[in-house]
Amino acid sequence: MPNLDLLPSLLQKINENQIALEAAIMELSNWVEQRGSDDVANNVRSALSTISKNEEFINMTLAVMMEGD
């Protein structure tokens, strides 16, 4: 199935999008914090921590999948 060959590349692009969204949302949380909404900014950062926690595993898994090509 040649379409399965595209899976690692697709997952890599999805991961890149996720990291870009994380960075954009972090910028917004910094902006919110500067305007005095510390609680909101902290809640956003707490939610974003899941992305950071999973990033290493995702990158390792993608690397293994890419090696298989």
C-alpha atoms as a PDB file:
ATOM      1  CA  MET A   1       0.000   0.000   0.000  1.00  0.00           C
ATOM      2  CA  PRO A   2       1.867   3.076  -1.225  1.00  0.00           C
ATOM      3  CA  ASN A   3      -0.391   5.426   0.764  1.00  0.00           C
ATOM      4  CA  LEU A   4       1.073   4.076   4.004  1.00  0.00           C
ATOM      5  CA  ASP A   5       4.441   5.463   2.885  1.00  0.00           C
ATOM      6  CA  LEU A   6       2.982   8.945   3.327  1.00  0.00           C
ATOM      7  CA  LEU A   7       1.996   8.382   6.953  1.00  0.00           C
ATOM      8  CA  PRO A   8       5.307   9.407   8.593  1.00  0.00           C
ATOM      9  CA  SER A   9       5.467  12.600   6.516  1.00  0.00           C
ATOM     10  CA  LEU A  10       1.855  13.411   7.313  1.00  0.00           C
ATOM     11  CA  LEU A  11       2.418  12.894  11.025  1.00  0.00           C
ATOM     12  CA  GLN A  12       5.544  15.068  10.877  1.00  0.00           C
ATOM     13  CA  LYS A  13       3.575  17.925   9.299  1.00  0.00           C
ATOM     14  CA  ILE A  14       0.790  17.568  11.872  1.00  0.00           C
ATOM     15  CA  ASN A  15       3.398  17.682  14.636  1.00  0.00           C
ATOM     16  CA  GLU A  16       4.971  20.812  13.135  1.00  0.00           C
ATOM     17  CA  ASN A  17       1.535  22.457  13.038  1.00  0.00           C
ATOM     18  CA  GLN A  18       0.945  21.510  16.658  1.00  0.00           C
ATOM     19  CA  ILE A  19       4.246  23.073  17.738  1.00  0.00           C
ATOM     20  CA  ALA A  20       3.466  26.239  15.766  1.00  0.00           C
ATOM     21  CA  LEU A  21       0.060  26.485  17.434  1.00  0.00           C
ATOM     22  CA  GLU A  22       1.702  25.984  20.824  1.00  0.00           C
ATOM     23  CA  ALA A  23       4.058  28.892  20.144  1.00  0.00           C
ATOM     24  CA  ALA A  24       1.237  31.152  18.968  1.00  0.00           C
ATOM     25  CA  ILE A  25      -0.937  30.341  21.968  1.00  0.00           C
ATOM     26  CA  MET A  26       2.020  30.931  24.300  1.00  0.00           C
ATOM     27  CA  GLU A  27       2.467  34.393  22.766  1.00  0.00           C
ATOM     28  CA  LEU A  28      -1.191  35.106  23.429  1.00  0.00           C
ATOM     29  CA  SER A  29      -0.908  33.905  27.025  1.00  0.00           C
ATOM     30  CA  ASN A  30       2.075  36.235  27.534  1.00  0.00           C
ATOM     31  CA  TRP A  31       0.025  39.107  26.102  1.00  0.00           C
ATOM     32  CA  VAL A  32      -2.888  38.258  28.410  1.00  0.00           C
ATOM     33  CA  GLU A  33      -0.558  38.079  31.417  1.00  0.00           C
ATOM     34  CA  GLN A  34       0.932  41.504  30.610  1.00  0.00           C
ATOM     35  CA  ARG A  35      -2.577  42.902  30.786  1.00  0.00           C
ATOM     36  CA  GLY A  36      -3.147  41.590  34.288  1.00  0.00           C
ATOM     37  CA  SER A  37      -4.881  38.253  33.750  1.00  0.00           C
ATOM     38  CA  ASP A  38      -2.370  36.016  35.484  1.00  0.00           C
ATOM     39  CA  ASP A  39      -4.924  33.283  36.207  1.00  0.00           C
ATOM     40  CA  VAL A  40      -5.926  32.982  32.547  1.00  0.00           C
ATOM     41  CA  ALA A  41      -2.305  32.943  31.391  1.00  0.00           C
ATOM     42  CA  ASN A  42      -1.421  30.248  33.925  1.00  0.00           C
ATOM     43  CA  ASN A  43      -4.406  28.140  32.866  1.00  0.00           C
ATOM     44  CA  VAL A  44      -3.340  28.383  29.236  1.00  0.00           C
ATOM     45  CA  ARG A  45       0.244  27.410  30.055  1.00  0.00           C
ATOM     46  CA  SER A  46      -0.991  24.502  32.111  1.00  0.00           C
ATOM     47  CA  ALA A  47      -3.053  23.238  29.185  1.00  0.00           C
ATOM     48  CA  LEU A  48      -0.084  23.668  26.824  1.00  0.00           C
ATOM     49  CA  SER A  49       2.142  21.576  29.080  1.00  0.00           C
ATOM     50  CA  THR A  50       0.630  18.428  27.553  1.00  0.00           C
ATOM     51  CA  ILE A  51       2.171  19.347  24.203  1.00  0.00           C
ATOM     52  CA  SER A  52       5.575  19.782  25.816  1.00  0.00           C
ATOM     53  CA  LYS A  53       5.287  16.521  27.740  1.00  0.00           C
ATOM     54  CA  ASN A  54       4.449  14.552  24.597  1.00  0.00           C
ATOM     55  CA  GLU A  55       6.857  16.257  22.208  1.00  0.00           C
ATOM     56  CA  GLU A  56       9.881  14.048  22.883  1.00  0.00           C
ATOM     57  CA  PHE A  57       7.885  10.827  22.433  1.00  0.00           C
ATOM     58  CA  ILE A  58       6.298  12.102  19.224  1.00  0.00           C
ATOM     59  CA  ASN A  59       9.682  13.114  17.784  1.00  0.00           C
ATOM     60  CA  MET A  60      11.252   9.767  18.707  1.00  0.00           C
ATOM     61  CA  THR A  61       8.368   7.833  17.181  1.00  0.00           C
ATOM     62  CA  LEU A  62       8.466   9.884  13.985  1.00  0.00           C
ATOM     63  CA  ALA A  63      12.208   9.311  13.702  1.00  0.00           C
ATOM     64  CA  VAL A  64      11.721   5.555  14.005  1.00  0.00           C
ATOM     65  CA  MET A  65       8.949   5.635  11.394  1.00  0.00           C
ATOM     66  CA  MET A  66      11.111   7.663   9.001  1.00  0.00           C
ATOM     67  CA  GLU A  67      14.010   5.197   9.400  1.00  0.00           C
ATOM     68  CA  GLY A  68      11.738   2.416   8.207  1.00  0.00           C
ATOM     69  CA  ASP A  69      11.451   4.027   4.772  1.00  0.00           C
END
